[in-house]
Amino acid sequence: MRYFTAILSLFIAATALFGQTPSAAEQIAASMLAAPEDRRAEAAVLGYNADGKLVTLRKGMNDLICLADTPGDEGFSTACYHQDLEPFMARGRELAEQGHKGDERHEIRWKDVDEGRVPMPREPRTLYVLTGKSYDAVKGEVVEPYLRWVIYSAYATPESTGLPTKPGPGPWLMYSGKAGAHIMISPPRE
């Protein structure tokens, strides 16, 4: 068994090194780690096919969508979010593919929401983000994991939430008053 585990580890490392896309099963298993345990089994999963195209790897039976780690990127990052955020997230991915980055991408997406081209829920919706150094498929765990939470609350302000707009030891509001306003909850790192 030890020999098999060693060979499998080498195969996974080689796959990562040469930028091959992990299997659908591996992408699903890894992305599920960002979701709350009791929501994982029924969440939809978006991941990547062998051509690097984003596809649905698993249809969901609840309101959660998980997005697999992008193959070939440095480190590990996956996210799960409420299905009502998908139009906003999909627009962000589309803009990134077109070369828009950072504040430019945010401004375009917020304008799309403001002008009614991209729906955005007015009630809070949660996004779970799990990052790490890498994903160990043999052990089924993220190496050096860090989980944080984002609660999207379109157009929220310090006055409507009571939250500060600067990072601190507790929750804080990012992009106050904008369509993409959200509450950041980032636990201290070990």
C-alpha atoms as a PDB file:
ATOM      1  CA  MET A   1       0.000   0.000   0.000  1.00  0.00           C
ATOM      2  CA  ARG A   2       2.866   2.359   0.818  1.00  0.00           C
ATOM      3  CA  TYR A   3       4.303   1.771  -2.681  1.00  0.00           C
ATOM      4  CA  PHE A   4       0.928   2.549  -4.314  1.00  0.00           C
ATOM      5  CA  THR A   5       0.565   5.752  -2.257  1.00  0.00           C
ATOM      6  CA  ALA A   6       4.069   6.871  -3.259  1.00  0.00           C
ATOM      7  CA  ILE A   7       3.366   6.231  -6.961  1.00  0.00           C
ATOM      8  CA  LEU A   8       0.034   8.051  -6.755  1.00  0.00           C
ATOM      9  CA  SER A   9       1.709  11.030  -5.059  1.00  0.00           C
ATOM     10  CA  LEU A  10       4.337  11.169  -7.818  1.00  0.00           C
ATOM     11  CA  PHE A  11       1.621  11.008 -10.493  1.00  0.00           C
ATOM     12  CA  ILE A  12      -0.323  13.855  -8.859  1.00  0.00           C
ATOM     13  CA  ALA A  13       2.847  15.949  -8.501  1.00  0.00           C
ATOM     14  CA  ALA A  14       3.741  15.332 -12.168  1.00  0.00           C
ATOM     15  CA  THR A  15       0.218  16.249 -13.232  1.00  0.00           C
ATOM     16  CA  ALA A  16       0.476  19.544 -11.346  1.00  0.00           C
ATOM     17  CA  LEU A  17       3.969  20.188 -12.703  1.00  0.00           C
ATOM     18  CA  PHE A  18       2.933  19.749 -16.317  1.00  0.00           C
ATOM     19  CA  GLY A  19      -0.311  21.699 -15.893  1.00  0.00           C
ATOM     20  CA  GLN A  20      -2.708  18.872 -16.637  1.00  0.00           C
ATOM     21  CA  THR A  21      -6.229  19.274 -15.392  1.00  0.00           C
ATOM     22  CA  PRO A  22      -7.075  17.129 -12.365  1.00  0.00           C
ATOM     23  CA  SER A  23      -9.894  14.611 -12.801  1.00  0.00           C
ATOM     24  CA  ALA A  24     -13.477  15.700 -12.240  1.00  0.00           C
ATOM     25  CA  ALA A  25     -13.603  13.564  -9.073  1.00  0.00           C
ATOM     26  CA  GLU A  26     -10.484  15.246  -7.688  1.00  0.00           C
ATOM     27  CA  GLN A  27     -11.788  18.731  -8.539  1.00  0.00           C
ATOM     28  CA  ILE A  28     -15.127  17.964  -6.874  1.00  0.00           C
ATOM     29  CA  ALA A  29     -13.474  16.566  -3.739  1.00  0.00           C
ATOM     30  CA  ALA A  30     -11.125  19.536  -3.428  1.00  0.00           C
ATOM     31  CA  SER A  31     -13.737  22.223  -4.057  1.00  0.00           C
ATOM     32  CA  MET A  32     -16.156  20.706  -1.535  1.00  0.00           C
ATOM     33  CA  LEU A  33     -13.695  21.512   1.261  1.00  0.00           C
ATOM     34  CA  ALA A  34     -14.642  25.202   1.041  1.00  0.00           C
ATOM     35  CA  ALA A  35     -18.332  24.468   1.732  1.00  0.00           C
ATOM     36  CA  PRO A  36     -19.910  23.883   5.132  1.00  0.00           C
ATOM     37  CA  GLU A  37     -19.896  20.119   5.780  1.00  0.00           C
ATOM     38  CA  ASP A  38     -23.672  19.800   5.858  1.00  0.00           C
ATOM     39  CA  ARG A  39     -23.989  21.497   2.423  1.00  0.00           C
ATOM     40  CA  ARG A  40     -21.293  19.629   0.486  1.00  0.00           C
ATOM     41  CA  ALA A  41     -23.124  16.546  -0.771  1.00  0.00           C
ATOM     42  CA  GLU A  42     -25.748  18.492  -2.721  1.00  0.00           C
ATOM     43  CA  ALA A  43     -23.692  21.462  -3.984  1.00  0.00           C
ATOM     44  CA  ALA A  44     -23.142  22.056  -7.694  1.00  0.00           C
ATOM     45  CA  VAL A  45     -19.521  22.082  -8.840  1.00  0.00           C
ATOM     46  CA  LEU A  46     -17.981  24.079 -11.659  1.00  0.00           C
ATOM     47  CA  GLY A  47     -14.548  22.895 -12.754  1.00  0.00           C
ATOM     48  CA  TYR A  48     -12.334  22.442 -15.745  1.00  0.00           C
ATOM     49  CA  ASN A  49     -12.250  19.956 -18.605  1.00  0.00           C
ATOM     50  CA  ALA A  50      -9.049  18.718 -20.291  1.00  0.00           C
ATOM     51  CA  ASP A  51      -9.066  21.782 -22.572  1.00  0.00           C
ATOM     52  CA  GLY A  52      -9.127  24.125 -19.564  1.00  0.00           C
ATOM     53  CA  LYS A  53     -12.698  25.222 -20.247  1.00  0.00           C
ATOM     54  CA  LEU A  54     -14.996  25.858 -17.277  1.00  0.00           C
ATOM     55  CA  VAL A  55     -17.802  23.285 -17.238  1.00  0.00           C
ATOM     56  CA  THR A  56     -20.363  21.888 -14.820  1.00  0.00           C
ATOM     57  CA  LEU A  57     -18.778  18.857 -13.182  1.00  0.00           C
ATOM     58  CA  ARG A  58     -21.765  18.114 -10.969  1.00  0.00           C
ATOM     59  CA  LYS A  59     -25.304  19.460 -10.927  1.00  0.00           C
ATOM     60  CA  GLY A  60     -26.468  20.683  -7.568  1.00  0.00           C
ATOM     61  CA  MET A  61     -29.514  19.885  -5.496  1.00  0.00           C
ATOM     62  CA  ASN A  62     -29.203  22.822  -3.078  1.00  0.00           C
ATOM     63  CA  ASP A  63     -28.434  26.523  -3.447  1.00  0.00           C
ATOM     64  CA  LEU A  64     -24.636  26.261  -3.274  1.00  0.00           C
ATOM     65  CA  ILE A  65     -22.180  26.395  -6.203  1.00  0.00           C
ATOM     66  CA  CYS A  66     -18.530  25.476  -5.734  1.00  0.00           C
ATOM     67  CA  LEU A  67     -15.797  26.581  -8.107  1.00  0.00           C
ATOM     68  CA  ALA A  68     -12.757  24.322  -8.447  1.00  0.00           C
ATOM     69  CA  ASP A  69      -9.166  25.545  -8.279  1.00  0.00           C
ATOM     70  CA  THR A  70      -7.888  26.865 -11.605  1.00  0.00           C
ATOM     71  CA  PRO A  71      -5.398  24.349 -13.055  1.00  0.00           C
ATOM     72  CA  GLY A  72      -1.885  25.689 -13.487  1.00  0.00           C
ATOM     73  CA  ASP A  73      -2.262  28.585 -11.047  1.00  0.00           C
ATOM     74  CA  GLU A  74       0.217  28.927  -8.225  1.00  0.00           C
ATOM     75  CA  GLY A  75      -1.151  27.744  -4.897  1.00  0.00           C
ATOM     76  CA  PHE A  76      -4.666  26.485  -4.271  1.00  0.00           C
ATOM     77  CA  SER A  77      -7.899  28.468  -4.185  1.00  0.00           C
ATOM     78  CA  THR A  78     -11.478  27.292  -4.338  1.00  0.00           C
ATOM     79  CA  ALA A  79     -14.750  28.960  -3.447  1.00  0.00           C
ATOM     80  CA  CYS A  80     -18.371  28.072  -2.790  1.00  0.00           C
ATOM     81  CA  TYR A  81     -21.157  30.612  -2.977  1.00  0.00           C
ATOM     82  CA  HIS A  82     -24.931  31.002  -3.042  1.00  0.00           C
ATOM     83  CA  GLN A  83     -26.434  30.346  -6.496  1.00  0.00           C
ATOM     84  CA  ASP A  84     -27.920  33.860  -6.585  1.00  0.00           C
ATOM     85  CA  LEU A  85     -24.349  35.204  -6.892  1.00  0.00           C
ATOM     86  CA  GLU A  86     -23.618  33.157 -10.043  1.00  0.00           C
ATOM     87  CA  PRO A  87     -24.530  35.907 -12.580  1.00  0.00           C
ATOM     88  CA  PHE A  88     -22.188  38.312 -10.742  1.00  0.00           C
ATOM     89  CA  MET A  89     -19.424  35.694 -10.495  1.00  0.00           C
ATOM     90  CA  ALA A  90     -19.861  34.591 -14.119  1.00  0.00           C
ATOM     91  CA  ARG A  91     -19.552  38.209 -15.275  1.00  0.00           C
ATOM     92  CA  GLY A  92     -16.350  38.538 -13.272  1.00  0.00           C
ATOM     93  CA  ARG A  93     -14.897  35.435 -14.938  1.00  0.00           C
ATOM     94  CA  GLU A  94     -15.953  36.731 -18.367  1.00  0.00           C
ATOM     95  CA  LEU A  95     -14.280  40.096 -17.752  1.00  0.00           C
ATOM     96  CA  ALA A  96     -11.108  38.373 -16.526  1.00  0.00           C
ATOM     97  CA  GLU A  97     -10.990  36.316 -19.747  1.00  0.00           C
ATOM     98  CA  GLN A  98     -11.219  39.596 -21.669  1.00  0.00           C
ATOM     99  CA  GLY A  99      -8.173  40.881 -19.789  1.00  0.00           C
ATOM    100  CA  HIS A 100      -9.900  43.165 -17.288  1.00  0.00           C
ATOM    101  CA  LYS A 101      -8.276  43.018 -13.870  1.00  0.00           C
ATOM    102  CA  GLY A 102      -8.486  44.580 -10.424  1.00  0.00           C
ATOM    103  CA  ASP A 103     -10.457  47.787  -9.994  1.00  0.00           C
ATOM    104  CA  GLU A 104     -11.273  48.019 -13.706  1.00  0.00           C
ATOM    105  CA  ARG A 105     -13.011  44.630 -13.573  1.00  0.00           C
ATOM    106  CA  HIS A 106     -14.875  45.601 -10.401  1.00  0.00           C
ATOM    107  CA  GLU A 107     -16.067  48.925 -11.854  1.00  0.00           C
ATOM    108  CA  ILE A 108     -17.393  47.303 -15.039  1.00  0.00           C
ATOM    109  CA  ARG A 109     -19.222  44.602 -13.092  1.00  0.00           C
ATOM    110  CA  TRP A 110     -20.711  47.103 -10.622  1.00  0.00           C
ATOM    111  CA  LYS A 111     -21.923  49.266 -13.511  1.00  0.00           C
ATOM    112  CA  ASP A 112     -23.523  46.175 -15.058  1.00  0.00           C
ATOM    113  CA  VAL A 113     -25.414  45.581 -11.800  1.00  0.00           C
ATOM    114  CA  ASP A 114     -26.321  49.281 -11.424  1.00  0.00           C
ATOM    115  CA  GLU A 115     -27.757  49.350 -14.950  1.00  0.00           C
ATOM    116  CA  GLY A 116     -29.660  46.058 -14.578  1.00  0.00           C
ATOM    117  CA  ARG A 117     -27.581  43.934 -16.975  1.00  0.00           C
ATOM    118  CA  VAL A 118     -26.347  41.617 -14.212  1.00  0.00           C
ATOM    119  CA  PRO A 119     -28.732  40.581 -11.433  1.00  0.00           C
ATOM    120  CA  MET A 120     -27.438  40.919  -7.877  1.00  0.00           C
ATOM    121  CA  PRO A 121     -29.428  39.901  -4.813  1.00  0.00           C
ATOM    122  CA  ARG A 122     -30.318  42.706  -2.401  1.00  0.00           C
ATOM    123  CA  GLU A 123     -30.355  40.315   0.562  1.00  0.00           C
ATOM    124  CA  PRO A 124     -27.037  38.999   1.962  1.00  0.00           C
ATOM    125  CA  ARG A 125     -25.463  35.981   0.250  1.00  0.00           C
ATOM    126  CA  THR A 126     -22.401  34.073   1.454  1.00  0.00           C
ATOM    127  CA  LEU A 127     -19.166  33.134  -0.306  1.00  0.00           C
ATOM    128  CA  TYR A 128     -16.688  30.699   1.285  1.00  0.00           C
ATOM    129  CA  VAL A 129     -13.069  30.927   0.137  1.00  0.00           C
ATOM    130  CA  LEU A 130     -10.516  28.216   0.883  1.00  0.00           C
ATOM    131  CA  THR A 131      -6.901  28.843  -0.047  1.00  0.00           C
ATOM    132  CA  GLY A 132      -3.676  26.989   0.621  1.00  0.00           C
ATOM    133  CA  LYS A 133      -0.258  26.046  -0.624  1.00  0.00           C
ATOM    134  CA  SER A 134      -1.586  23.072  -2.597  1.00  0.00           C
ATOM    135  CA  TYR A 135      -4.089  20.217  -2.560  1.00  0.00           C
ATOM    136  CA  ASP A 136      -2.985  16.712  -1.538  1.00  0.00           C
ATOM    137  CA  ALA A 137      -5.338  14.405  -3.457  1.00  0.00           C
ATOM    138  CA  VAL A 138      -4.013  11.284  -1.725  1.00  0.00           C
ATOM    139  CA  LYS A 139      -4.912  12.644   1.719  1.00  0.00           C
ATOM    140  CA  GLY A 140      -7.892  14.638   0.436  1.00  0.00           C
ATOM    141  CA  GLU A 141      -6.769  17.813   2.172  1.00  0.00           C
ATOM    142  CA  VAL A 142      -5.431  21.265   1.487  1.00  0.00           C
ATOM    143  CA  VAL A 143      -1.834  21.919   2.501  1.00  0.00           C
ATOM    144  CA  GLU A 144      -1.705  24.958   4.822  1.00  0.00           C
ATOM    145  CA  PRO A 145      -5.457  25.689   4.531  1.00  0.00           C
ATOM    146  CA  TYR A 146      -7.016  29.067   5.254  1.00  0.00           C
ATOM    147  CA  LEU A 147     -10.805  29.523   5.169  1.00  0.00           C
ATOM    148  CA  ARG A 148     -12.451  32.942   5.125  1.00  0.00           C
ATOM    149  CA  TRP A 149     -16.009  34.127   4.594  1.00  0.00           C
ATOM    150  CA  VAL A 150     -17.459  36.906   2.485  1.00  0.00           C
ATOM    151  CA  ILE A 151     -21.055  38.038   2.845  1.00  0.00           C
ATOM    152  CA  TYR A 152     -22.208  40.000  -0.189  1.00  0.00           C
ATOM    153  CA  SER A 153     -24.669  42.717   0.729  1.00  0.00           C
ATOM    154  CA  ALA A 154     -25.144  44.963  -2.310  1.00  0.00           C
ATOM    155  CA  TYR A 155     -24.859  48.685  -1.601  1.00  0.00           C
ATOM    156  CA  ALA A 156     -24.232  48.144   2.131  1.00  0.00           C
ATOM    157  CA  THR A 157     -22.609  51.005   4.029  1.00  0.00           C
ATOM    158  CA  PRO A 158     -21.169  51.480   7.510  1.00  0.00           C
ATOM    159  CA  GLU A 159     -24.431  53.213   8.406  1.00  0.00           C
ATOM    160  CA  SER A 160     -26.573  50.260   7.264  1.00  0.00           C
ATOM    161  CA  THR A 161     -24.348  47.600   8.837  1.00  0.00           C
ATOM    162  CA  GLY A 162     -22.514  49.226  11.746  1.00  0.00           C
ATOM    163  CA  LEU A 163     -19.254  47.835  10.357  1.00  0.00           C
ATOM    164  CA  PRO A 164     -15.933  49.609   9.827  1.00  0.00           C
ATOM    165  CA  THR A 165     -14.492  49.954   6.325  1.00  0.00           C
ATOM    166  CA  LYS A 166     -10.917  49.138   7.306  1.00  0.00           C
ATOM    167  CA  PRO A 167      -9.535  45.655   7.932  1.00  0.00           C
ATOM    168  CA  GLY A 168      -9.177  44.799  11.563  1.00  0.00           C
ATOM    169  CA  PRO A 169      -9.443  41.917  13.953  1.00  0.00           C
ATOM    170  CA  GLY A 170     -13.169  41.480  13.236  1.00  0.00           C
ATOM    171  CA  PRO A 171     -15.600  41.696  10.312  1.00  0.00           C
ATOM    172  CA  TRP A 172     -15.343  44.762   8.101  1.00  0.00           C
ATOM    173  CA  LEU A 173     -17.115  46.177   5.045  1.00  0.00           C
ATOM    174  CA  MET A 174     -15.344  46.260   1.694  1.00  0.00           C
ATOM    175  CA  TYR A 175     -16.505  48.385  -1.268  1.00  0.00           C
ATOM    176  CA  SER A 176     -19.013  50.329   0.809  1.00  0.00           C
ATOM    177  CA  GLY A 177     -22.018  51.606  -1.148  1.00  0.00           C
ATOM    178  CA  LYS A 178     -21.107  49.659  -4.296  1.00  0.00           C
ATOM    179  CA  ALA A 179     -23.040  46.844  -5.986  1.00  0.00           C
ATOM    180  CA  GLY A 180     -20.279  44.468  -4.866  1.00  0.00           C
ATOM    181  CA  ALA A 181     -20.225  45.593  -1.219  1.00  0.00           C
ATOM    182  CA  HIS A 182     -19.400  42.705   1.065  1.00  0.00           C
ATOM    183  CA  ILE A 183     -18.544  41.889   4.644  1.00  0.00           C
ATOM    184  CA  MET A 184     -15.097  40.338   5.047  1.00  0.00           C
ATOM    185  CA  ILE A 185     -14.618  37.809   7.830  1.00  0.00           C
ATOM    186  CA  SER A 186     -10.996  36.699   7.928  1.00  0.00           C
ATOM    187  CA  PRO A 187      -9.975  34.701  10.984  1.00  0.00           C
ATOM    188  CA  PRO A 188      -6.415  35.185  12.284  1.00  0.00           C
ATOM    189  CA  ARG A 189      -3.902  32.935  10.537  1.00  0.00           C
ATOM    190  CA  GLU A 190      -2.088  30.375  12.650  1.00  0.00           C
END
